[in-house]
C-alpha atoms as a PDB file:
ATOM      1  CA  MET A   1      71.380  42.900  71.636  1.00  0.00           C
ATOM      2  CA  SER A   2      70.694  45.487  74.534  1.00  0.00           C
ATOM      3  CA  LYS A   3      71.949  44.958  78.043  1.00  0.00           C
ATOM      4  CA  LEU A   4      70.846  46.553  81.168  1.00  0.00           C
ATOM      5  CA  ILE A   5      73.779  48.267  82.639  1.00  0.00           C
ATOM      6  CA  LYS A   6      74.282  50.911  85.388  1.00  0.00           C
ATOM      7  CA  ILE A   7      76.634  53.664  84.477  1.00  0.00           C
ATOM      8  CA  PHE A   8      78.379  56.022  86.970  1.00  0.00           C
ATOM      9  CA  TYR A   9      80.016  58.979  85.396  1.00  0.00           C
ATOM     10  CA  GLN A  10      81.036  62.469  85.178  1.00  0.00           C
ATOM     11  CA  SER A  11      80.189  64.325  82.201  1.00  0.00           C
ATOM     12  CA  LYS A  12      82.622  66.571  80.204  1.00  0.00           C
ATOM     13  CA  LEU A  13      79.769  68.794  79.538  1.00  0.00           C
ATOM     14  CA  ILE A  14      78.846  69.135  83.291  1.00  0.00           C
ATOM     15  CA  LYS A  15      82.516  70.002  83.973  1.00  0.00           C
ATOM     16  CA  GLN A  16      82.531  72.508  81.210  1.00  0.00           C
ATOM     17  CA  ALA A  17      79.423  74.237  82.737  1.00  0.00           C
ATOM     18  CA  PRO A  18      80.116  74.710  86.412  1.00  0.00           C
ATOM     19  CA  GLN A  19      77.511  77.359  86.679  1.00  0.00           C
ATOM     20  CA  TYR A  20      74.953  74.601  86.174  1.00  0.00           C
ATOM     21  CA  GLN A  21      76.803  72.164  88.448  1.00  0.00           C
ATOM     22  CA  PRO A  22      75.331  71.688  91.992  1.00  0.00           C
ATOM     23  CA  GLN A  23      77.999  71.187  94.568  1.00  0.00           C
ATOM     24  CA  ASN A  24      76.640  67.673  95.146  1.00  0.00           C
ATOM     25  CA  TRP A  25      76.788  66.694  91.682  1.00  0.00           C
ATOM     26  CA  GLN A  26      80.013  64.660  91.951  1.00  0.00           C
ATOM     27  CA  LYS A  27      78.475  61.659  90.188  1.00  0.00           C
ATOM     28  CA  ILE A  28      75.436  60.906  88.294  1.00  0.00           C
ATOM     29  CA  SER A  29      74.037  57.518  88.258  1.00  0.00           C
ATOM     30  CA  SER A  30      71.892  56.198  85.350  1.00  0.00           C
ATOM     31  CA  ILE A  31      70.585  53.096  84.101  1.00  0.00           C
ATOM     32  CA  PHE A  32      70.353  52.424  80.346  1.00  0.00           C
ATOM     33  CA  TYR A  33      69.305  49.786  78.037  1.00  0.00           C
ATOM     34  CA  ILE A  34      71.961  50.275  75.428  1.00  0.00           C
ATOM     35  CA  ASN A  35      73.571  48.449  72.469  1.00  0.00           C
ATOM     36  CA  GLU A  36      77.145  48.243  71.441  1.00  0.00           C
ATOM     37  CA  THR A  37      76.986  51.172  69.225  1.00  0.00           C
ATOM     38  CA  MET A  38      75.371  53.313  71.901  1.00  0.00           C
ATOM     39  CA  PHE A  39      78.054  52.206  74.406  1.00  0.00           C
ATOM     40  CA  LEU A  40      80.623  53.419  72.305  1.00  0.00           C
ATOM     41  CA  PHE A  41      78.891  56.769  71.730  1.00  0.00           C
ATOM     42  CA  LEU A  42      78.574  57.088  75.501  1.00  0.00           C
ATOM     43  CA  SER A  43      82.272  55.940  76.078  1.00  0.00           C
ATOM     44  CA  GLY A  44      83.300  59.056  73.860  1.00  0.00           C
ATOM     45  CA  ILE A  45      81.411  61.435  75.868  1.00  0.00           C
ATOM     46  CA  ILE A  46      81.893  60.093  79.382  1.00  0.00           C
ATOM     47  CA  GLU A  47      85.144  61.107  81.112  1.00  0.00           C
ATOM     48  CA  GLU A  48      85.237  58.842  84.170  1.00  0.00           C
ATOM     49  CA  LYS A  49      82.955  55.781  84.187  1.00  0.00           C
ATOM     50  CA  LEU A  50      82.214  52.578  86.220  1.00  0.00           C
ATOM     51  CA  ILE A  51      79.975  50.305  84.239  1.00  0.00           C
ATOM     52  CA  THR A  52      78.627  47.186  85.591  1.00  0.00           C
ATOM     53  CA  GLU A  53      75.993  44.816  84.242  1.00  0.00           C
ATOM     54  CA  ILE A  54      72.989  44.427  86.576  1.00  0.00           C
END
């Protein structure tokens, strides 16, 4: 069952590509409908995260 959650994160890919990183891209905020499998996948690629259920 999917949950609506809000994820604040800094992507490792963005950190590895500073030439594409605007100075104000300290954090990116996204809202996803995700299931547990996708959550585990995102947890693997997101370095710093604050996840809250809406």
